[in-house]
Amino acid sequence: MAAPITLSARNLHHQYGQREIICDVSLELRRGQVLGLLGHNGAGKSTLLQALAGALTIHSGQIEIGGFDLQQHAQEAKSCIGFLPETPPLYREMRVDDYLIFVAKLHRMKPAHIADALAQTKQKCGLQECGKHIIGTLSKGYQQRVGIAQAIIHQPQVIILDEPTVGLDPTQIKEIRTLIRELGNVDSVILSTHLLSEVENICDRVEILHHGKLIFSDSSTAMQQHGMQSGFIVTLLAPPNMNVLQALDSVTQVEQLSPTQFKILHAAETDPSAALLALAAQNGWQAQQLTPLKARLEDVFSQLTQNS
């Protein structure tokens, strides 16, 4: 059975002057999903996330969060949202604990629940030792953790993150990605990014926004397979004539990449790799390695946006 829908957006439009920033965008998010919103700079990602978070009033369309219409039942809908904008909304002169308690009160949490929520949130975000620290004295990676903590302390159904790893070093990026994936296993996360590795590592689904329009909506696996040729690269230390490889059943093209390495394309519904390895063993071709072709997400992204 499919997980329940936590966020639904239908036919969203938004303009700045005469320029349409969001054009007929529809999407949905389910519990247990991490959805990656991809797009070039200026594609409208931040505008869309602000609209979904209720921080920006759209010109037309409908948004439901946790089953509540964001326009008709704004308070109930916003209580289901945790939002981290691209610039974290931190009071740098406050201590971490004081700031998170302040945020919890803004979300109208019951006083009796705040202490437990604070402890759980700090544990999730790796902030157990930082409670008494002034936010401005923390590294950028830990300030980003505090930003995520303020977005989740009230235990929202939907967590919206705008470029959550921008400006971080590789270790910090890895830690924040692990945290986002853990959050997505329990709740729902939608994040904007221009890093294809982010999509590959943590996202279940991908939406590509281009000039304000959604041009791709599918799983990250489907994106990787989009437009991919069926084939593999094989290393043969004592290779036969290329005509022999070309004659294999269902092989459509053979390209010699080096004296011992060959790129072999074949029909999508077949796979001649087993037959090739059997022939290699029989004829002493000394097969060393066979690697299925895998599309680079960068190439797929470029192809999709150029075609649009």
C-alpha atoms as a PDB file:
ATOM      1  CA  MET A   1       0.000   0.000   0.000  1.00  0.00           C
ATOM      2  CA  ALA A   2       1.313   3.434  -0.958  1.00  0.00           C
ATOM      3  CA  ALA A   3       2.425   5.730   1.850  1.00  0.00           C
ATOM      4  CA  PRO A   4       0.055   8.641   2.610  1.00  0.00           C
ATOM      5  CA  ILE A   5       0.475  11.919   0.762  1.00  0.00           C
ATOM      6  CA  THR A   6       1.841  14.639   3.047  1.00  0.00           C
ATOM      7  CA  LEU A   7       2.186  17.475   0.512  1.00  0.00           C
ATOM      8  CA  SER A   8       0.172  18.112  -2.632  1.00  0.00           C
ATOM      9  CA  ALA A   9       0.583  21.086  -4.974  1.00  0.00           C
ATOM     10  CA  ARG A  10      -1.611  21.576  -8.030  1.00  0.00           C
ATOM     11  CA  ASN A  11      -1.323  24.027 -10.927  1.00  0.00           C
ATOM     12  CA  LEU A  12       0.849  26.588  -9.161  1.00  0.00           C
ATOM     13  CA  HIS A  13       1.534  29.910 -10.908  1.00  0.00           C
ATOM     14  CA  HIS A  14       3.552  32.861  -9.650  1.00  0.00           C
ATOM     15  CA  GLN A  15       4.760  36.029 -11.354  1.00  0.00           C
ATOM     16  CA  TYR A  16       7.190  38.849 -10.653  1.00  0.00           C
ATOM     17  CA  GLY A  17       5.911  41.698 -12.803  1.00  0.00           C
ATOM     18  CA  GLN A  18       5.363  40.255 -16.262  1.00  0.00           C
ATOM     19  CA  ARG A  19       7.772  37.372 -15.703  1.00  0.00           C
ATOM     20  CA  GLU A  20       6.255  34.011 -14.755  1.00  0.00           C
ATOM     21  CA  ILE A  21       8.569  32.387 -12.210  1.00  0.00           C
ATOM     22  CA  ILE A  22       6.392  29.330 -11.518  1.00  0.00           C
ATOM     23  CA  CYS A  23       4.333  28.011 -14.426  1.00  0.00           C
ATOM     24  CA  ASP A  24       1.642  25.357 -13.850  1.00  0.00           C
ATOM     25  CA  VAL A  25       3.685  23.283 -11.386  1.00  0.00           C
ATOM     26  CA  SER A  26       2.090  20.230  -9.764  1.00  0.00           C
ATOM     27  CA  LEU A  27       3.824  17.764  -7.455  1.00  0.00           C
ATOM     28  CA  GLU A  28       3.226  15.554  -4.440  1.00  0.00           C
ATOM     29  CA  LEU A  29       5.277  14.136  -1.605  1.00  0.00           C
ATOM     30  CA  ARG A  30       4.621  10.986   0.413  1.00  0.00           C
ATOM     31  CA  ARG A  31       5.662   9.978   3.907  1.00  0.00           C
ATOM     32  CA  GLY A  32       9.074   8.327   3.936  1.00  0.00           C
ATOM     33  CA  GLN A  33      10.230  10.108   0.772  1.00  0.00           C
ATOM     34  CA  VAL A  34      13.076  12.476   0.058  1.00  0.00           C
ATOM     35  CA  LEU A  35      12.274  14.519  -3.043  1.00  0.00           C
ATOM     36  CA  GLY A  36      15.038  16.425  -4.792  1.00  0.00           C
ATOM     37  CA  LEU A  37      14.154  19.631  -6.645  1.00  0.00           C
ATOM     38  CA  LEU A  38      16.779  20.184  -9.323  1.00  0.00           C
ATOM     39  CA  GLY A  39      17.357  23.138 -11.592  1.00  0.00           C
ATOM     40  CA  HIS A  40      19.835  25.725 -12.803  1.00  0.00           C
ATOM     41  CA  ASN A  41      20.243  28.956 -10.858  1.00  0.00           C
ATOM     42  CA  GLY A  42      17.181  31.115 -11.573  1.00  0.00           C
ATOM     43  CA  ALA A  43      14.974  28.129 -12.410  1.00  0.00           C
ATOM     44  CA  GLY A  44      12.506  29.069  -9.641  1.00  0.00           C
ATOM     45  CA  LYS A  45      13.479  26.492  -6.998  1.00  0.00           C
ATOM     46  CA  SER A  46      13.638  28.873  -4.027  1.00  0.00           C
ATOM     47  CA  THR A  47      10.413  30.606  -5.077  1.00  0.00           C
ATOM     48  CA  LEU A  48       8.623  27.255  -5.278  1.00  0.00           C
ATOM     49  CA  LEU A  49       9.893  26.125  -1.866  1.00  0.00           C
ATOM     50  CA  GLN A  50       8.879  29.430  -0.283  1.00  0.00           C
ATOM     51  CA  ALA A  51       5.402  28.955  -1.747  1.00  0.00           C
ATOM     52  CA  LEU A  52       5.182  25.386  -0.428  1.00  0.00           C
ATOM     53  CA  ALA A  53       6.301  26.575   3.015  1.00  0.00           C
ATOM     54  CA  GLY A  54       3.661  29.311   3.119  1.00  0.00           C
ATOM     55  CA  ALA A  55       6.309  32.054   3.156  1.00  0.00           C
ATOM     56  CA  LEU A  56       5.148  33.347  -0.240  1.00  0.00           C
ATOM     57  CA  THR A  57       1.574  33.717  -1.455  1.00  0.00           C
ATOM     58  CA  ILE A  58       1.164  32.267  -4.927  1.00  0.00           C
ATOM     59  CA  HIS A  59      -1.005  33.924  -7.562  1.00  0.00           C
ATOM     60  CA  SER A  60      -2.984  30.770  -8.381  1.00  0.00           C
ATOM     61  CA  GLY A  61      -3.080  27.084  -7.601  1.00  0.00           C
ATOM     62  CA  GLN A  62      -3.665  24.949  -4.515  1.00  0.00           C
ATOM     63  CA  ILE A  63      -1.311  23.588  -1.857  1.00  0.00           C
ATOM     64  CA  GLU A  64      -2.271  21.042   0.793  1.00  0.00           C
ATOM     65  CA  ILE A  65       0.022  20.115   3.692  1.00  0.00           C
ATOM     66  CA  GLY A  66      -0.995  17.267   5.959  1.00  0.00           C
ATOM     67  CA  GLY A  67      -4.465  17.397   4.417  1.00  0.00           C
ATOM     68  CA  PHE A  68      -4.942  21.118   5.180  1.00  0.00           C
ATOM     69  CA  ASP A  69      -5.365  23.731   2.463  1.00  0.00           C
ATOM     70  CA  LEU A  70      -2.540  26.246   2.891  1.00  0.00           C
ATOM     71  CA  GLN A  71      -4.744  29.229   2.037  1.00  0.00           C
ATOM     72  CA  GLN A  72      -7.982  28.280   3.785  1.00  0.00           C
ATOM     73  CA  HIS A  73      -6.406  26.668   6.882  1.00  0.00           C
ATOM     74  CA  ALA A  74      -3.024  28.377   7.025  1.00  0.00           C
ATOM     75  CA  GLN A  75      -2.322  27.844  10.729  1.00  0.00           C
ATOM     76  CA  GLU A  76      -3.064  24.111  10.645  1.00  0.00           C
ATOM     77  CA  ALA A  77      -1.122  23.598   7.404  1.00  0.00           C
ATOM     78  CA  LYS A  78       1.919  25.554   8.589  1.00  0.00           C
ATOM     79  CA  SER A  79       2.041  23.556  11.811  1.00  0.00           C
ATOM     80  CA  CYS A  80       2.825  20.536   9.598  1.00  0.00           C
ATOM     81  CA  ILE A  81       5.787  22.290   7.912  1.00  0.00           C
ATOM     82  CA  GLY A  82       9.422  22.677   8.901  1.00  0.00           C
ATOM     83  CA  PHE A  83      11.332  25.126   6.700  1.00  0.00           C
ATOM     84  CA  LEU A  84      15.020  25.847   6.303  1.00  0.00           C
ATOM     85  CA  PRO A  85      15.550  28.674   3.790  1.00  0.00           C
ATOM     86  CA  GLU A  86      18.824  29.029   1.899  1.00  0.00           C
ATOM     87  CA  THR A  87      20.046  31.482   4.567  1.00  0.00           C
ATOM     88  CA  PRO A  88      19.281  29.814   7.937  1.00  0.00           C
ATOM     89  CA  PRO A  89      17.092  32.057  10.178  1.00  0.00           C
ATOM     90  CA  LEU A  90      19.481  32.015  13.117  1.00  0.00           C
ATOM     91  CA  TYR A  91      19.945  34.520  15.942  1.00  0.00           C
ATOM     92  CA  ARG A  92      23.723  34.293  16.100  1.00  0.00           C
ATOM     93  CA  GLU A  93      23.999  35.938  19.519  1.00  0.00           C
ATOM     94  CA  MET A  94      21.738  33.331  21.198  1.00  0.00           C
ATOM     95  CA  ARG A  95      22.779  30.025  22.726  1.00  0.00           C
ATOM     96  CA  VAL A  96      21.651  26.922  20.840  1.00  0.00           C
ATOM     97  CA  ASP A  97      19.274  25.691  23.567  1.00  0.00           C
ATOM     98  CA  ASP A  98      17.719  29.129  24.093  1.00  0.00           C
ATOM     99  CA  TYR A  99      17.180  29.596  20.377  1.00  0.00           C
ATOM    100  CA  LEU A 100      15.560  26.177  19.857  1.00  0.00           C
ATOM    101  CA  ILE A 101      13.275  26.690  22.878  1.00  0.00           C
ATOM    102  CA  PHE A 102      12.315  30.081  21.429  1.00  0.00           C
ATOM    103  CA  VAL A 103      11.469  28.423  18.077  1.00  0.00           C
ATOM    104  CA  ALA A 104       9.427  25.727  19.815  1.00  0.00           C
ATOM    105  CA  LYS A 105       7.368  28.431  21.541  1.00  0.00           C
ATOM    106  CA  LEU A 106       6.838  30.189  18.199  1.00  0.00           C
ATOM    107  CA  HIS A 107       5.369  26.914  16.950  1.00  0.00           C
ATOM    108  CA  ARG A 108       3.022  26.965  19.971  1.00  0.00           C
ATOM    109  CA  MET A 109       4.330  23.751  21.438  1.00  0.00           C
ATOM    110  CA  LYS A 110       2.971  22.900  24.855  1.00  0.00           C
ATOM    111  CA  PRO A 111       5.510  23.875  27.556  1.00  0.00           C
ATOM    112  CA  ALA A 112       5.449  20.365  29.022  1.00  0.00           C
ATOM    113  CA  HIS A 113       6.614  18.909  25.667  1.00  0.00           C
ATOM    114  CA  ILE A 114       9.437  21.319  24.882  1.00  0.00           C
ATOM    115  CA  ALA A 115      12.191  19.736  27.000  1.00  0.00           C
ATOM    116  CA  ASP A 116      11.703  16.303  25.409  1.00  0.00           C
ATOM    117  CA  ALA A 117      11.467  17.819  21.917  1.00  0.00           C
ATOM    118  CA  LEU A 118      14.676  19.770  22.519  1.00  0.00           C
ATOM    119  CA  ALA A 119      16.579  16.666  23.652  1.00  0.00           C
ATOM    120  CA  GLN A 120      15.307  14.548  20.734  1.00  0.00           C
ATOM    121  CA  THR A 121      16.053  17.246  18.167  1.00  0.00           C
ATOM    122  CA  LYS A 122      19.593  17.838  19.438  1.00  0.00           C
ATOM    123  CA  GLN A 123      20.207  14.083  19.358  1.00  0.00           C
ATOM    124  CA  LYS A 124      18.967  13.796  15.762  1.00  0.00           C
ATOM    125  CA  CYS A 125      21.068  16.745  14.626  1.00  0.00           C
ATOM    126  CA  GLY A 126      24.224  15.855  16.556  1.00  0.00           C
ATOM    127  CA  LEU A 127      24.000  18.936  18.770  1.00  0.00           C
ATOM    128  CA  GLN A 128      24.100  17.251  22.192  1.00  0.00           C
ATOM    129  CA  GLU A 129      27.341  19.003  23.184  1.00  0.00           C
ATOM    130  CA  CYS A 130      26.410  22.393  21.699  1.00  0.00           C
ATOM    131  CA  GLY A 131      23.428  23.460  23.808  1.00  0.00           C
ATOM    132  CA  LYS A 132      25.297  26.157  25.757  1.00  0.00           C
ATOM    133  CA  HIS A 133      27.316  27.421  22.787  1.00  0.00           C
ATOM    134  CA  ILE A 134      26.656  30.798  21.165  1.00  0.00           C
ATOM    135  CA  ILE A 135      25.370  30.082  17.638  1.00  0.00           C
ATOM    136  CA  GLY A 136      27.700  32.625  16.039  1.00  0.00           C
ATOM    137  CA  THR A 137      30.764  30.813  17.417  1.00  0.00           C
ATOM    138  CA  LEU A 138      29.846  27.501  15.722  1.00  0.00           C
ATOM    139  CA  SER A 139      31.294  26.314  12.429  1.00  0.00           C
ATOM    140  CA  LYS A 140      29.137  26.714   9.333  1.00  0.00           C
ATOM    141  CA  GLY A 141      28.370  22.998   9.364  1.00  0.00           C
ATOM    142  CA  TYR A 142      27.079  23.148  12.932  1.00  0.00           C
ATOM    143  CA  GLN A 143      25.121  26.323  12.211  1.00  0.00           C
ATOM    144  CA  GLN A 144      23.448  24.391   9.379  1.00  0.00           C
ATOM    145  CA  ARG A 145      22.606  21.641  11.885  1.00  0.00           C
ATOM    146  CA  VAL A 146      20.987  24.265  14.115  1.00  0.00           C
ATOM    147  CA  GLY A 147      19.053  25.479  11.067  1.00  0.00           C
ATOM    148  CA  ILE A 148      17.738  21.977  10.453  1.00  0.00           C
ATOM    149  CA  ALA A 149      16.986  21.587  14.175  1.00  0.00           C
ATOM    150  CA  GLN A 150      14.754  24.691  14.154  1.00  0.00           C
ATOM    151  CA  ALA A 151      12.904  23.199  11.183  1.00  0.00           C
ATOM    152  CA  ILE A 152      12.130  19.894  12.902  1.00  0.00           C
ATOM    153  CA  ILE A 153      11.785  20.665  16.634  1.00  0.00           C
ATOM    154  CA  HIS A 154       7.977  20.760  16.406  1.00  0.00           C
ATOM    155  CA  GLN A 155       7.993  17.342  14.639  1.00  0.00           C
ATOM    156  CA  PRO A 156       6.463  18.436  11.306  1.00  0.00           C
ATOM    157  CA  GLN A 157       5.196  15.998   8.694  1.00  0.00           C
ATOM    158  CA  VAL A 158       6.945  17.870   5.869  1.00  0.00           C
ATOM    159  CA  ILE A 159      10.501  19.248   6.028  1.00  0.00           C
ATOM    160  CA  ILE A 160      11.446  21.772   3.332  1.00  0.00           C
ATOM    161  CA  LEU A 161      15.159  22.468   2.857  1.00  0.00           C
ATOM    162  CA  ASP A 162      16.551  25.036   0.425  1.00  0.00           C
ATOM    163  CA  GLU A 163      20.146  24.217  -0.599  1.00  0.00           C
ATOM    164  CA  PRO A 164      20.937  22.592   2.783  1.00  0.00           C
ATOM    165  CA  THR A 165      24.571  21.716   1.963  1.00  0.00           C
ATOM    166  CA  VAL A 166      25.674  24.854   0.108  1.00  0.00           C
ATOM    167  CA  GLY A 167      29.024  26.204   1.295  1.00  0.00           C
ATOM    168  CA  LEU A 168      29.885  23.193   3.461  1.00  0.00           C
ATOM    169  CA  ASP A 169      33.114  21.181   3.282  1.00  0.00           C
ATOM    170  CA  PRO A 170      33.029  17.515   2.097  1.00  0.00           C
ATOM    171  CA  THR A 171      32.848  16.073   5.620  1.00  0.00           C
ATOM    172  CA  GLN A 172      30.039  18.428   6.633  1.00  0.00           C
ATOM    173  CA  ILE A 173      28.158  17.638   3.402  1.00  0.00           C
ATOM    174  CA  LYS A 174      28.345  13.916   4.129  1.00  0.00           C
ATOM    175  CA  GLU A 175      27.069  14.416   7.682  1.00  0.00           C
ATOM    176  CA  ILE A 176      24.155  16.648   6.621  1.00  0.00           C
ATOM    177  CA  ARG A 177      23.186  14.221   3.835  1.00  0.00           C
ATOM    178  CA  THR A 178      23.093  11.359   6.336  1.00  0.00           C
ATOM    179  CA  LEU A 179      20.856  13.443   8.608  1.00  0.00           C
ATOM    180  CA  ILE A 180      18.489  14.325   5.732  1.00  0.00           C
ATOM    181  CA  ARG A 181      18.190  10.687   4.710  1.00  0.00           C
ATOM    182  CA  GLU A 182      17.372   9.700   8.307  1.00  0.00           C
ATOM    183  CA  LEU A 183      14.692  12.412   8.485  1.00  0.00           C
ATOM    184  CA  GLY A 184      13.228  11.212   5.185  1.00  0.00           C
ATOM    185  CA  ASN A 185      12.928   7.661   6.454  1.00  0.00           C
ATOM    186  CA  VAL A 186      10.386   8.822   9.052  1.00  0.00           C
ATOM    187  CA  ASP A 187       8.812  12.009   7.699  1.00  0.00           C
ATOM    188  CA  SER A 188       8.823  13.665   4.261  1.00  0.00           C
ATOM    189  CA  VAL A 189      11.622  15.863   2.953  1.00  0.00           C
ATOM    190  CA  ILE A 190      11.760  18.088  -0.114  1.00  0.00           C
ATOM    191  CA  LEU A 191      15.074  19.792  -0.818  1.00  0.00           C
ATOM    192  CA  SER A 192      16.418  21.974  -3.588  1.00  0.00           C
ATOM    193  CA  THR A 193      19.898  21.412  -4.902  1.00  0.00           C
ATOM    194  CA  HIS A 194      22.069  21.845  -7.953  1.00  0.00           C
ATOM    195  CA  LEU A 195      24.375  18.997  -6.881  1.00  0.00           C
ATOM    196  CA  LEU A 196      23.660  15.831  -8.855  1.00  0.00           C
ATOM    197  CA  SER A 197      25.556  13.749  -6.284  1.00  0.00           C
ATOM    198  CA  GLU A 198      23.011  14.887  -3.688  1.00  0.00           C
ATOM    199  CA  VAL A 199      20.195  13.411  -5.749  1.00  0.00           C
ATOM    200  CA  GLU A 200      22.070  10.168  -6.297  1.00  0.00           C
ATOM    201  CA  ASN A 201      22.918   9.744  -2.611  1.00  0.00           C
ATOM    202  CA  ILE A 202      19.749  10.666  -0.744  1.00  0.00           C
ATOM    203  CA  CYS A 203      16.731  11.310  -3.001  1.00  0.00           C
ATOM    204  CA  ASP A 204      13.971   8.832  -3.825  1.00  0.00           C
ATOM    205  CA  ARG A 205      12.340  11.076  -6.403  1.00  0.00           C
ATOM    206  CA  VAL A 206      13.490  13.906  -8.645  1.00  0.00           C
ATOM    207  CA  GLU A 207      11.654  16.935  -9.996  1.00  0.00           C
ATOM    208  CA  ILE A 208      13.549  19.102 -12.493  1.00  0.00           C
ATOM    209  CA  LEU A 209      12.460  22.728 -12.715  1.00  0.00           C
ATOM    210  CA  HIS A 210      13.498  24.644 -15.849  1.00  0.00           C
ATOM    211  CA  HIS A 211      12.410  28.249 -16.471  1.00  0.00           C
ATOM    212  CA  GLY A 212       9.621  27.772 -13.920  1.00  0.00           C
ATOM    213  CA  LYS A 213       8.232  24.576 -15.464  1.00  0.00           C
ATOM    214  CA  LEU A 214       8.596  20.985 -14.304  1.00  0.00           C
ATOM    215  CA  ILE A 215      10.213  19.073 -17.158  1.00  0.00           C
ATOM    216  CA  PHE A 216      10.938  15.766 -15.368  1.00  0.00           C
ATOM    217  CA  SER A 217       9.244  13.919 -12.526  1.00  0.00           C
ATOM    218  CA  ASP A 218      10.271  10.376 -11.639  1.00  0.00           C
ATOM    219  CA  SER A 219      12.499   8.298  -9.382  1.00  0.00           C
ATOM    220  CA  SER A 220      16.212   9.040  -9.189  1.00  0.00           C
ATOM    221  CA  THR A 221      16.819   5.562 -10.668  1.00  0.00           C
ATOM    222  CA  ALA A 222      14.608   6.381 -13.651  1.00  0.00           C
ATOM    223  CA  MET A 223      16.488   9.643 -14.159  1.00  0.00           C
ATOM    224  CA  GLN A 224      19.766   7.757 -14.260  1.00  0.00           C
ATOM    225  CA  GLN A 225      18.347   5.374 -16.868  1.00  0.00           C
ATOM    226  CA  HIS A 226      16.765   8.125 -18.963  1.00  0.00           C
ATOM    227  CA  GLY A 227      18.074   7.953 -22.522  1.00  0.00           C
ATOM    228  CA  MET A 228      20.708   5.427 -21.493  1.00  0.00           C
ATOM    229  CA  GLN A 229      22.025   3.040 -24.123  1.00  0.00           C
ATOM    230  CA  SER A 230      21.941  -0.678 -23.328  1.00  0.00           C
ATOM    231  CA  GLY A 231      25.449  -2.066 -23.278  1.00  0.00           C
ATOM    232  CA  PHE A 232      28.628  -2.745 -21.372  1.00  0.00           C
ATOM    233  CA  ILE A 233      32.385  -2.267 -21.464  1.00  0.00           C
ATOM    234  CA  VAL A 234      34.459  -5.448 -21.514  1.00  0.00           C
ATOM    235  CA  THR A 235      38.196  -5.986 -21.146  1.00  0.00           C
ATOM    236  CA  LEU A 236      39.680  -8.868 -23.178  1.00  0.00           C
ATOM    237  CA  LEU A 237      43.438  -9.340 -22.790  1.00  0.00           C
ATOM    238  CA  ALA A 238      43.583 -11.545 -25.927  1.00  0.00           C
ATOM    239  CA  PRO A 239      40.681 -10.178 -27.955  1.00  0.00           C
ATOM    240  CA  PRO A 240      39.357 -11.617 -31.227  1.00  0.00           C
ATOM    241  CA  ASN A 241      38.712  -9.577 -34.338  1.00  0.00           C
ATOM    242  CA  MET A 242      35.999  -6.976 -33.797  1.00  0.00           C
ATOM    243  CA  ASN A 243      33.889  -8.737 -36.450  1.00  0.00           C
ATOM    244  CA  VAL A 244      33.580 -11.709 -34.086  1.00  0.00           C
ATOM    245  CA  LEU A 245      32.182  -9.497 -31.339  1.00  0.00           C
ATOM    246  CA  GLN A 246      29.922  -7.703 -33.808  1.00  0.00           C
ATOM    247  CA  ALA A 247      28.462 -11.068 -34.870  1.00  0.00           C
ATOM    248  CA  LEU A 248      27.198 -11.873 -31.369  1.00  0.00           C
ATOM    249  CA  ASP A 249      23.425 -12.186 -31.194  1.00  0.00           C
ATOM    250  CA  SER A 250      21.624  -8.864 -30.439  1.00  0.00           C
ATOM    251  CA  VAL A 251      24.857  -6.794 -30.536  1.00  0.00           C
ATOM    252  CA  THR A 252      24.187  -3.536 -32.397  1.00  0.00           C
ATOM    253  CA  GLN A 253      27.563  -1.790 -32.185  1.00  0.00           C
ATOM    254  CA  VAL A 254      31.118  -2.489 -31.082  1.00  0.00           C
ATOM    255  CA  GLU A 255      33.605   0.300 -30.368  1.00  0.00           C
ATOM    256  CA  GLN A 256      37.237  -0.388 -29.524  1.00  0.00           C
ATOM    257  CA  LEU A 257      38.293   1.941 -26.694  1.00  0.00           C
ATOM    258  CA  SER A 258      41.830   0.556 -26.320  1.00  0.00           C
ATOM    259  CA  PRO A 259      43.761  -2.515 -27.547  1.00  0.00           C
ATOM    260  CA  THR A 260      42.016  -4.614 -24.874  1.00  0.00           C
ATOM    261  CA  GLN A 261      38.830  -2.686 -24.024  1.00  0.00           C
ATOM    262  CA  PHE A 262      35.579  -2.692 -26.009  1.00  0.00           C
ATOM    263  CA  LYS A 263      32.284  -0.846 -25.663  1.00  0.00           C
ATOM    264  CA  ILE A 264      29.465  -3.118 -26.791  1.00  0.00           C
ATOM    265  CA  LEU A 265      25.908  -1.880 -27.356  1.00  0.00           C
ATOM    266  CA  HIS A 266      22.975  -4.259 -27.683  1.00  0.00           C
ATOM    267  CA  ALA A 267      19.192  -4.314 -28.024  1.00  0.00           C
ATOM    268  CA  ALA A 268      17.404  -3.139 -24.868  1.00  0.00           C
ATOM    269  CA  GLU A 269      15.425  -6.347 -24.319  1.00  0.00           C
ATOM    270  CA  THR A 270      18.447  -8.676 -24.500  1.00  0.00           C
ATOM    271  CA  ASP A 271      21.829  -9.095 -22.786  1.00  0.00           C
ATOM    272  CA  PRO A 272      24.614 -10.908 -24.681  1.00  0.00           C
ATOM    273  CA  SER A 273      27.150 -10.543 -21.850  1.00  0.00           C
ATOM    274  CA  ALA A 274      26.782 -14.149 -20.638  1.00  0.00           C
ATOM    275  CA  ALA A 275      27.240 -15.500 -24.175  1.00  0.00           C
ATOM    276  CA  LEU A 276      30.316 -13.307 -24.646  1.00  0.00           C
ATOM    277  CA  LEU A 277      31.910 -14.504 -21.399  1.00  0.00           C
ATOM    278  CA  ALA A 278      31.226 -18.133 -22.351  1.00  0.00           C
ATOM    279  CA  LEU A 279      32.908 -17.629 -25.739  1.00  0.00           C
ATOM    280  CA  ALA A 280      35.813 -15.840 -24.062  1.00  0.00           C
ATOM    281  CA  ALA A 281      36.379 -18.846 -21.788  1.00  0.00           C
ATOM    282  CA  GLN A 282      36.178 -21.286 -24.718  1.00  0.00           C
ATOM    283  CA  ASN A 283      38.518 -19.334 -26.999  1.00  0.00           C
ATOM    284  CA  GLY A 284      41.034 -17.950 -24.534  1.00  0.00           C
ATOM    285  CA  TRP A 285      40.140 -14.265 -24.936  1.00  0.00           C
ATOM    286  CA  GLN A 286      41.037 -13.736 -21.256  1.00  0.00           C
ATOM    287  CA  ALA A 287      38.024 -11.706 -20.159  1.00  0.00           C
ATOM    288  CA  GLN A 288      39.087  -9.562 -17.215  1.00  0.00           C
ATOM    289  CA  GLN A 289      36.249  -7.156 -16.507  1.00  0.00           C
ATOM    290  CA  LEU A 290      32.705  -6.486 -17.718  1.00  0.00           C
ATOM    291  CA  THR A 291      30.962  -3.295 -16.571  1.00  0.00           C
ATOM    292  CA  PRO A 292      27.377  -2.344 -17.567  1.00  0.00           C
ATOM    293  CA  LEU A 293      27.048   1.148 -19.001  1.00  0.00           C
ATOM    294  CA  LYS A 294      25.752   3.689 -16.501  1.00  0.00           C
ATOM    295  CA  ALA A 295      24.584   7.141 -17.439  1.00  0.00           C
ATOM    296  CA  ARG A 296      26.109  10.110 -15.613  1.00  0.00           C
ATOM    297  CA  LEU A 297      23.416  12.204 -13.938  1.00  0.00           C
ATOM    298  CA  GLU A 298      25.162  15.338 -15.182  1.00  0.00           C
ATOM    299  CA  ASP A 299      24.716  14.151 -18.784  1.00  0.00           C
ATOM    300  CA  VAL A 300      21.055  13.263 -18.233  1.00  0.00           C
ATOM    301  CA  PHE A 301      20.362  16.623 -16.572  1.00  0.00           C
ATOM    302  CA  SER A 302      22.042  18.508 -19.417  1.00  0.00           C
ATOM    303  CA  GLN A 303      20.109  16.508 -21.998  1.00  0.00           C
ATOM    304  CA  LEU A 304      16.748  17.102 -20.308  1.00  0.00           C
ATOM    305  CA  THR A 305      17.253  20.842 -19.843  1.00  0.00           C
ATOM    306  CA  GLN A 306      18.668  21.374 -23.338  1.00  0.00           C
ATOM    307  CA  ASN A 307      15.783  19.494 -24.920  1.00  0.00           C
ATOM    308  CA  SER A 308      13.369  21.798 -23.085  1.00  0.00           C
END
